[in-house]
């Protein structure tokens, strides 16, 4: 059984995120609009916040979000097919570079990157869209 962590209160999350709170809400709402029901699972983490949030749709983890001071660390794993789609897409070159240097594992290639602006929200939602593209 996987350990779960207590969900942070809205206030606790708002305090740590500060101005990045609107980015957090934008990411969660953007993904929820496409993939409902969306389940937010909190797990223990070695991050400063002590918890990581898994965004899951029908038990499939779409994305990992780790709140930090004024920013969010986004982590996503793409299988090889989704990786090929991502490399052919219009996502930013810096994200493609992260994927190209990521080691391929059985579950795919995983990357982490920081987001702290509402301009980053469409990139995150596009990566989730690529991840769940049907075969």
N, C-alpha and C. Protein backbone atom coordinates (compact mmCIF):
# COMPACT_ATOMS: atom_id res chain seq x y z
N UNK A 1 0.84 -1.19 0.00
CA UNK A 1 0.00 0.00 0.00
C UNK A 1 0.88 1.25 0.00
N UNK A 2 0.49 2.22 -0.78
CA UNK A 2 1.25 3.46 -0.88
C UNK A 2 0.84 4.42 0.22
N UNK A 3 1.82 5.06 0.80
CA UNK A 3 1.54 6.02 1.87
C UNK A 3 0.82 7.24 1.32
N UNK A 4 -0.14 7.71 2.06
CA UNK A 4 -0.81 8.95 1.68
C UNK A 4 -0.50 9.98 2.75
N UNK A 5 -0.58 11.21 2.37
CA UNK A 5 -0.34 12.30 3.31
C UNK A 5 -1.63 13.10 3.46
N UNK A 6 -1.73 13.79 4.57
CA UNK A 6 -2.89 14.63 4.82
C UNK A 6 -2.89 15.79 3.81
N UNK A 7 -4.02 16.05 3.22
CA UNK A 7 -4.13 17.18 2.28
C UNK A 7 -3.88 18.48 3.03
N UNK A 8 -3.12 19.39 2.42
CA UNK A 8 -2.92 20.67 3.08
C UNK A 8 -4.20 21.49 3.03
N UNK A 9 -4.36 22.38 3.99
CA UNK A 9 -5.52 23.27 3.94
C UNK A 9 -5.30 24.28 2.82
N UNK A 10 -6.37 24.88 2.37
CA UNK A 10 -6.27 25.91 1.31
C UNK A 10 -5.35 27.04 1.77
N UNK A 11 -5.43 27.39 3.05
CA UNK A 11 -4.59 28.46 3.60
C UNK A 11 -3.12 28.05 3.58
N UNK A 12 -2.84 26.83 4.01
CA UNK A 12 -1.46 26.33 4.04
C UNK A 12 -0.85 26.35 2.63
N UNK A 13 -1.63 25.90 1.65
CA UNK A 13 -1.18 25.89 0.26
C UNK A 13 -0.98 27.32 -0.24
N UNK A 14 -1.91 28.20 0.06
CA UNK A 14 -1.82 29.60 -0.38
C UNK A 14 -0.59 30.28 0.21
N UNK A 15 -0.27 29.98 1.47
CA UNK A 15 0.89 30.61 2.13
C UNK A 15 2.18 30.19 1.44
N UNK A 16 2.33 28.89 1.16
CA UNK A 16 3.58 28.45 0.55
C UNK A 16 3.69 28.89 -0.91
N UNK A 17 2.59 28.87 -1.65
CA UNK A 17 2.65 29.22 -3.07
C UNK A 17 2.73 30.72 -3.32
N UNK A 18 2.11 31.50 -2.44
CA UNK A 18 2.10 32.94 -2.65
C UNK A 18 1.48 33.27 -4.01
N UNK A 19 2.17 34.10 -4.81
CA UNK A 19 1.62 34.48 -6.11
C UNK A 19 1.47 33.31 -7.09
N UNK A 20 2.14 32.20 -6.84
CA UNK A 20 2.03 31.03 -7.72
C UNK A 20 0.72 30.27 -7.47
N UNK A 21 -0.07 30.71 -6.49
CA UNK A 21 -1.36 30.07 -6.22
C UNK A 21 -2.28 30.10 -7.42
N UNK A 22 -2.24 31.19 -8.19
CA UNK A 22 -3.10 31.27 -9.39
C UNK A 22 -2.62 30.28 -10.45
N UNK A 23 -1.31 30.02 -10.47
CA UNK A 23 -0.77 29.05 -11.43
C UNK A 23 -1.22 27.64 -11.03
N UNK A 24 -1.13 27.34 -9.73
CA UNK A 24 -1.59 26.03 -9.22
C UNK A 24 -3.05 25.81 -9.60
N UNK A 25 -3.89 26.80 -9.29
CA UNK A 25 -5.33 26.70 -9.60
C UNK A 25 -5.55 26.54 -11.10
N UNK A 26 -4.78 27.28 -11.89
CA UNK A 26 -4.92 27.21 -13.35
C UNK A 26 -4.57 25.83 -13.90
N UNK A 27 -3.51 25.24 -13.36
CA UNK A 27 -3.11 23.89 -13.80
C UNK A 27 -4.18 22.88 -13.42
N UNK A 28 -4.57 22.89 -12.14
CA UNK A 28 -5.57 21.91 -11.66
C UNK A 28 -6.89 22.09 -12.42
N UNK A 29 -7.36 23.34 -12.55
CA UNK A 29 -8.63 23.59 -13.25
C UNK A 29 -8.53 23.23 -14.73
N UNK A 30 -7.40 23.54 -15.36
CA UNK A 30 -7.22 23.23 -16.79
C UNK A 30 -7.24 21.74 -17.05
N UNK A 31 -6.61 20.97 -16.17
CA UNK A 31 -6.60 19.52 -16.34
C UNK A 31 -7.96 18.93 -15.97
N UNK A 32 -8.58 19.48 -14.92
CA UNK A 32 -9.91 19.00 -14.52
C UNK A 32 -10.93 19.22 -15.64
N UNK A 33 -10.79 20.33 -16.37
CA UNK A 33 -11.73 20.62 -17.47
C UNK A 33 -11.67 19.56 -18.55
N UNK A 34 -10.49 18.97 -18.76
CA UNK A 34 -10.34 17.95 -19.80
C UNK A 34 -10.52 16.53 -19.28
N UNK A 35 -10.14 16.31 -18.02
CA UNK A 35 -10.14 14.95 -17.47
C UNK A 35 -10.87 14.92 -16.15
N UNK A 36 -12.17 14.71 -16.24
CA UNK A 36 -12.98 14.66 -15.04
C UNK A 36 -13.55 13.24 -14.92
N UNK A 37 -13.59 12.65 -13.76
CA UNK A 37 -13.22 13.22 -12.47
C UNK A 37 -11.70 13.26 -12.30
N UNK A 38 -11.22 14.30 -11.65
CA UNK A 38 -9.80 14.44 -11.35
C UNK A 38 -9.62 14.26 -9.85
N UNK A 39 -8.74 13.34 -9.49
CA UNK A 39 -8.50 13.03 -8.09
C UNK A 39 -7.14 13.60 -7.69
N UNK A 40 -7.10 14.39 -6.62
CA UNK A 40 -5.83 14.92 -6.12
C UNK A 40 -5.41 14.07 -4.93
N UNK A 41 -4.31 13.33 -5.11
CA UNK A 41 -3.78 12.44 -4.07
C UNK A 41 -2.52 13.09 -3.50
N UNK A 42 -2.48 13.25 -2.20
CA UNK A 42 -1.28 13.80 -1.56
C UNK A 42 -0.45 12.67 -1.00
N UNK A 43 0.86 12.72 -1.26
CA UNK A 43 1.80 11.71 -0.78
C UNK A 43 2.94 12.40 -0.04
N UNK A 44 3.56 11.69 0.91
CA UNK A 44 4.72 12.27 1.59
C UNK A 44 5.85 12.50 0.58
N UNK A 45 6.65 13.52 0.83
CA UNK A 45 7.73 13.88 -0.08
C UNK A 45 8.90 14.43 0.73
N UNK A 46 10.08 14.35 0.16
CA UNK A 46 11.26 14.92 0.81
C UNK A 46 11.41 16.41 0.48
N UNK A 47 10.46 16.96 -0.25
CA UNK A 47 10.51 18.38 -0.58
C UNK A 47 10.35 19.21 0.69
N UNK A 48 10.66 20.48 0.58
CA UNK A 48 10.54 21.38 1.73
C UNK A 48 9.10 21.41 2.25
N UNK A 49 8.12 21.32 1.35
CA UNK A 49 6.71 21.33 1.73
C UNK A 49 6.30 20.02 2.42
N UNK A 50 7.04 18.94 2.12
CA UNK A 50 6.78 17.66 2.76
C UNK A 50 5.73 16.80 2.10
N UNK A 51 5.12 17.32 1.04
CA UNK A 51 4.09 16.56 0.33
C UNK A 51 4.16 16.85 -1.16
N UNK A 52 3.69 15.89 -1.94
CA UNK A 52 3.59 16.03 -3.38
C UNK A 52 2.16 15.67 -3.76
N UNK A 53 1.63 16.34 -4.77
CA UNK A 53 0.25 16.10 -5.19
C UNK A 53 0.24 15.36 -6.52
N UNK A 54 -0.44 14.22 -6.55
CA UNK A 54 -0.60 13.46 -7.79
C UNK A 54 -1.97 13.80 -8.36
N UNK A 55 -2.01 14.22 -9.60
CA UNK A 55 -3.28 14.46 -10.28
C UNK A 55 -3.61 13.19 -11.04
N UNK A 56 -4.70 12.53 -10.63
CA UNK A 56 -5.06 11.24 -11.22
C UNK A 56 -6.44 11.28 -11.85
N UNK A 57 -6.55 10.58 -12.98
CA UNK A 57 -7.82 10.42 -13.67
C UNK A 57 -8.04 8.92 -13.84
N UNK A 58 -9.11 8.42 -13.24
CA UNK A 58 -9.42 6.98 -13.29
C UNK A 58 -8.21 6.13 -12.89
N UNK A 59 -7.59 6.49 -11.75
CA UNK A 59 -6.45 5.78 -11.16
C UNK A 59 -5.14 5.93 -11.96
N UNK A 60 -5.14 6.68 -13.04
CA UNK A 60 -3.92 6.90 -13.82
C UNK A 60 -3.32 8.25 -13.41
N UNK A 61 -2.05 8.24 -13.03
CA UNK A 61 -1.39 9.49 -12.65
C UNK A 61 -1.04 10.27 -13.91
N UNK A 62 -1.58 11.49 -13.99
CA UNK A 62 -1.33 12.35 -15.14
C UNK A 62 -0.11 13.23 -14.91
N UNK A 63 0.05 13.67 -13.67
CA UNK A 63 1.02 14.73 -13.38
C UNK A 63 1.32 14.74 -11.88
N UNK A 64 2.50 15.20 -11.54
CA UNK A 64 2.89 15.40 -10.14
C UNK A 64 3.16 16.88 -9.93
N UNK A 65 2.61 17.45 -8.88
CA UNK A 65 2.84 18.86 -8.56
C UNK A 65 3.40 18.95 -7.15
N UNK A 66 4.51 19.67 -7.01
CA UNK A 66 5.11 19.89 -5.70
C UNK A 66 5.11 21.38 -5.42
N UNK A 67 4.34 21.82 -4.41
CA UNK A 67 4.33 23.24 -4.07
C UNK A 67 5.64 23.66 -3.42
N UNK A 68 6.10 24.85 -3.76
CA UNK A 68 7.31 25.42 -3.15
C UNK A 68 7.08 26.92 -3.00
N UNK A 69 8.03 27.60 -2.42
CA UNK A 69 7.88 29.04 -2.22
C UNK A 69 7.78 29.76 -3.56
N UNK A 70 6.60 30.30 -3.85
CA UNK A 70 6.33 31.11 -5.04
C UNK A 70 6.51 30.38 -6.37
N UNK A 71 6.57 29.04 -6.33
CA UNK A 71 6.66 28.28 -7.58
C UNK A 71 6.19 26.86 -7.35
N UNK A 72 6.06 26.14 -8.46
CA UNK A 72 5.57 24.76 -8.42
C UNK A 72 6.54 23.91 -9.24
N UNK A 73 6.92 22.77 -8.71
CA UNK A 73 7.68 21.82 -9.51
C UNK A 73 6.68 20.86 -10.14
N UNK A 74 6.72 20.78 -11.45
CA UNK A 74 5.85 19.88 -12.20
C UNK A 74 6.70 18.69 -12.63
N UNK A 75 6.19 17.49 -12.44
CA UNK A 75 6.87 16.29 -12.91
C UNK A 75 5.88 15.48 -13.73
N UNK A 76 6.36 14.96 -14.86
CA UNK A 76 5.50 14.16 -15.73
C UNK A 76 6.35 13.07 -16.37
N UNK A 77 5.74 11.92 -16.59
CA UNK A 77 6.41 10.80 -17.24
C UNK A 77 5.65 10.51 -18.53
N UNK A 78 6.38 10.46 -19.63
CA UNK A 78 5.77 10.12 -20.93
C UNK A 78 6.34 8.80 -21.41
N UNK A 79 5.47 7.91 -21.86
CA UNK A 79 5.90 6.68 -22.51
C UNK A 79 6.54 7.03 -23.86
N UNK A 80 7.15 6.05 -24.49
CA UNK A 80 7.87 6.33 -25.74
C UNK A 80 6.98 6.92 -26.85
N UNK A 81 5.75 6.43 -26.96
CA UNK A 81 4.85 6.96 -27.99
C UNK A 81 4.52 8.43 -27.71
N UNK A 82 4.19 8.71 -26.46
CA UNK A 82 3.88 10.09 -26.07
C UNK A 82 5.14 10.97 -26.19
N UNK A 83 6.30 10.41 -25.89
CA UNK A 83 7.57 11.14 -26.03
C UNK A 83 7.76 11.57 -27.48
N UNK A 84 7.50 10.65 -28.42
CA UNK A 84 7.63 10.98 -29.85
C UNK A 84 6.64 12.09 -30.24
N UNK A 85 5.42 12.00 -29.71
CA UNK A 85 4.42 13.05 -29.99
C UNK A 85 4.87 14.40 -29.41
N UNK A 86 5.44 14.37 -28.22
CA UNK A 86 5.90 15.61 -27.57
C UNK A 86 7.02 16.24 -28.39
N UNK A 87 7.94 15.42 -28.87
CA UNK A 87 9.07 15.96 -29.63
C UNK A 87 8.62 16.55 -30.96
N UNK A 88 7.49 16.06 -31.49
CA UNK A 88 6.96 16.57 -32.76
C UNK A 88 6.00 17.74 -32.54
N UNK A 89 5.69 18.05 -31.28
CA UNK A 89 4.70 19.09 -30.98
C UNK A 89 5.35 20.47 -30.90
N UNK A 90 4.52 21.45 -30.58
CA UNK A 90 4.98 22.84 -30.47
C UNK A 90 5.32 23.23 -29.03
N UNK A 91 5.59 22.25 -28.17
CA UNK A 91 5.97 22.60 -26.80
C UNK A 91 7.33 23.30 -26.83
N UNK A 92 7.64 24.10 -25.81
CA UNK A 92 8.90 24.85 -25.81
C UNK A 92 10.15 23.97 -25.94
N UNK A 93 11.17 24.51 -26.59
CA UNK A 93 12.42 23.78 -26.82
C UNK A 93 13.08 23.34 -25.51
N UNK A 94 12.95 24.16 -24.45
CA UNK A 94 13.59 23.78 -23.18
C UNK A 94 12.95 22.52 -22.59
N UNK A 95 11.65 22.33 -22.82
CA UNK A 95 10.96 21.12 -22.34
C UNK A 95 11.39 19.92 -23.20
N UNK A 96 11.48 20.12 -24.50
CA UNK A 96 11.93 19.04 -25.39
C UNK A 96 13.35 18.60 -25.01
N UNK A 97 14.19 19.57 -24.65
CA UNK A 97 15.57 19.26 -24.26
C UNK A 97 15.58 18.40 -23.01
N UNK A 98 14.72 18.75 -22.02
CA UNK A 98 14.63 17.94 -20.79
C UNK A 98 14.26 16.49 -21.12
N UNK A 99 13.28 16.32 -22.02
CA UNK A 99 12.87 14.96 -22.41
C UNK A 99 13.98 14.24 -23.17
N UNK A 100 14.67 14.95 -24.05
CA UNK A 100 15.69 14.30 -24.87
C UNK A 100 16.87 13.80 -24.04
N UNK A 101 17.16 14.47 -22.91
CA UNK A 101 18.27 14.02 -22.06
C UNK A 101 17.81 13.11 -20.92
N UNK A 102 16.50 12.94 -20.76
CA UNK A 102 15.97 12.07 -19.70
C UNK A 102 16.22 10.61 -20.06
N UNK A 103 16.63 9.83 -19.04
CA UNK A 103 16.85 8.40 -19.29
C UNK A 103 15.53 7.70 -19.53
N UNK A 104 15.47 6.86 -20.56
CA UNK A 104 14.24 6.08 -20.76
C UNK A 104 14.18 4.89 -19.81
N UNK A 105 13.06 4.77 -19.12
CA UNK A 105 12.80 3.64 -18.22
C UNK A 105 11.60 2.89 -18.77
N UNK A 106 11.28 1.77 -18.15
CA UNK A 106 10.14 0.96 -18.60
C UNK A 106 8.86 1.78 -18.62
N UNK A 107 8.67 2.64 -17.59
CA UNK A 107 7.44 3.43 -17.53
C UNK A 107 7.50 4.70 -18.38
N UNK A 108 8.67 5.00 -18.94
CA UNK A 108 8.80 6.16 -19.82
C UNK A 108 9.93 7.08 -19.40
N UNK A 109 9.89 8.29 -19.94
CA UNK A 109 10.89 9.31 -19.63
C UNK A 109 10.25 10.35 -18.73
N UNK A 110 10.87 10.58 -17.58
CA UNK A 110 10.31 11.53 -16.64
C UNK A 110 11.14 12.80 -16.58
N UNK A 111 10.45 13.93 -16.48
CA UNK A 111 11.14 15.21 -16.33
C UNK A 111 10.49 16.00 -15.19
N UNK A 112 11.25 16.97 -14.69
CA UNK A 112 10.75 17.93 -13.69
C UNK A 112 11.15 19.31 -14.17
N UNK A 113 10.25 20.25 -13.97
CA UNK A 113 10.59 21.64 -14.28
C UNK A 113 9.75 22.55 -13.41
N UNK A 114 10.24 23.77 -13.21
CA UNK A 114 9.57 24.75 -12.37
C UNK A 114 8.60 25.58 -13.18
N UNK A 115 7.46 25.88 -12.60
CA UNK A 115 6.52 26.82 -13.21
C UNK A 115 6.17 27.87 -12.15
N UNK A 116 6.06 29.11 -12.59
CA UNK A 116 5.71 30.18 -11.66
C UNK A 116 4.94 31.30 -12.34
N UNK A 117 4.49 31.03 -13.57
CA UNK A 117 3.76 32.04 -14.33
C UNK A 117 2.55 31.41 -15.00
N UNK A 118 1.50 32.20 -15.15
CA UNK A 118 0.31 31.69 -15.83
C UNK A 118 0.63 31.34 -17.29
N UNK A 119 1.71 31.88 -17.82
CA UNK A 119 2.13 31.54 -19.20
C UNK A 119 2.52 30.07 -19.32
N UNK A 120 2.88 29.44 -18.18
CA UNK A 120 3.30 28.04 -18.18
C UNK A 120 2.13 27.06 -18.20
N UNK A 121 0.94 27.52 -17.84
CA UNK A 121 -0.21 26.62 -17.72
C UNK A 121 -0.52 25.87 -19.02
N UNK A 122 -0.58 26.56 -20.19
CA UNK A 122 -0.87 25.82 -21.43
C UNK A 122 0.17 24.74 -21.75
N UNK A 123 1.42 24.96 -21.38
CA UNK A 123 2.47 23.96 -21.62
C UNK A 123 2.18 22.70 -20.80
N UNK A 124 1.82 22.90 -19.53
CA UNK A 124 1.54 21.77 -18.64
C UNK A 124 0.31 21.01 -19.13
N UNK A 125 -0.75 21.72 -19.48
CA UNK A 125 -1.97 21.03 -19.94
C UNK A 125 -1.71 20.33 -21.28
N UNK A 126 -0.86 20.89 -22.14
CA UNK A 126 -0.52 20.25 -23.42
C UNK A 126 0.25 18.96 -23.17
N UNK A 127 1.17 18.96 -22.21
CA UNK A 127 1.91 17.73 -21.90
C UNK A 127 0.98 16.63 -21.41
N UNK A 128 -0.01 16.97 -20.60
CA UNK A 128 -0.97 15.97 -20.13
C UNK A 128 -1.79 15.46 -21.31
N UNK A 129 -2.19 16.38 -22.18
CA UNK A 129 -2.96 16.00 -23.38
C UNK A 129 -2.15 15.01 -24.22
N UNK A 130 -0.86 15.27 -24.42
CA UNK A 130 0.01 14.38 -25.18
C UNK A 130 0.11 13.02 -24.48
N UNK A 131 0.26 13.06 -23.15
CA UNK A 131 0.41 11.81 -22.37
C UNK A 131 -0.79 10.88 -22.55
N UNK A 132 -2.00 11.45 -22.60
CA UNK A 132 -3.19 10.60 -22.67
C UNK A 132 -3.75 10.42 -24.08
N UNK A 133 -3.01 10.89 -25.09
CA UNK A 133 -3.47 10.70 -26.47
C UNK A 133 -3.65 9.21 -26.74
N UNK A 134 -4.85 8.83 -27.23
CA UNK A 134 -5.07 7.40 -27.49
C UNK A 134 -4.16 6.87 -28.59
N UNK A 135 -3.89 5.59 -28.53
CA UNK A 135 -3.03 4.95 -29.56
C UNK A 135 -3.68 5.02 -30.92
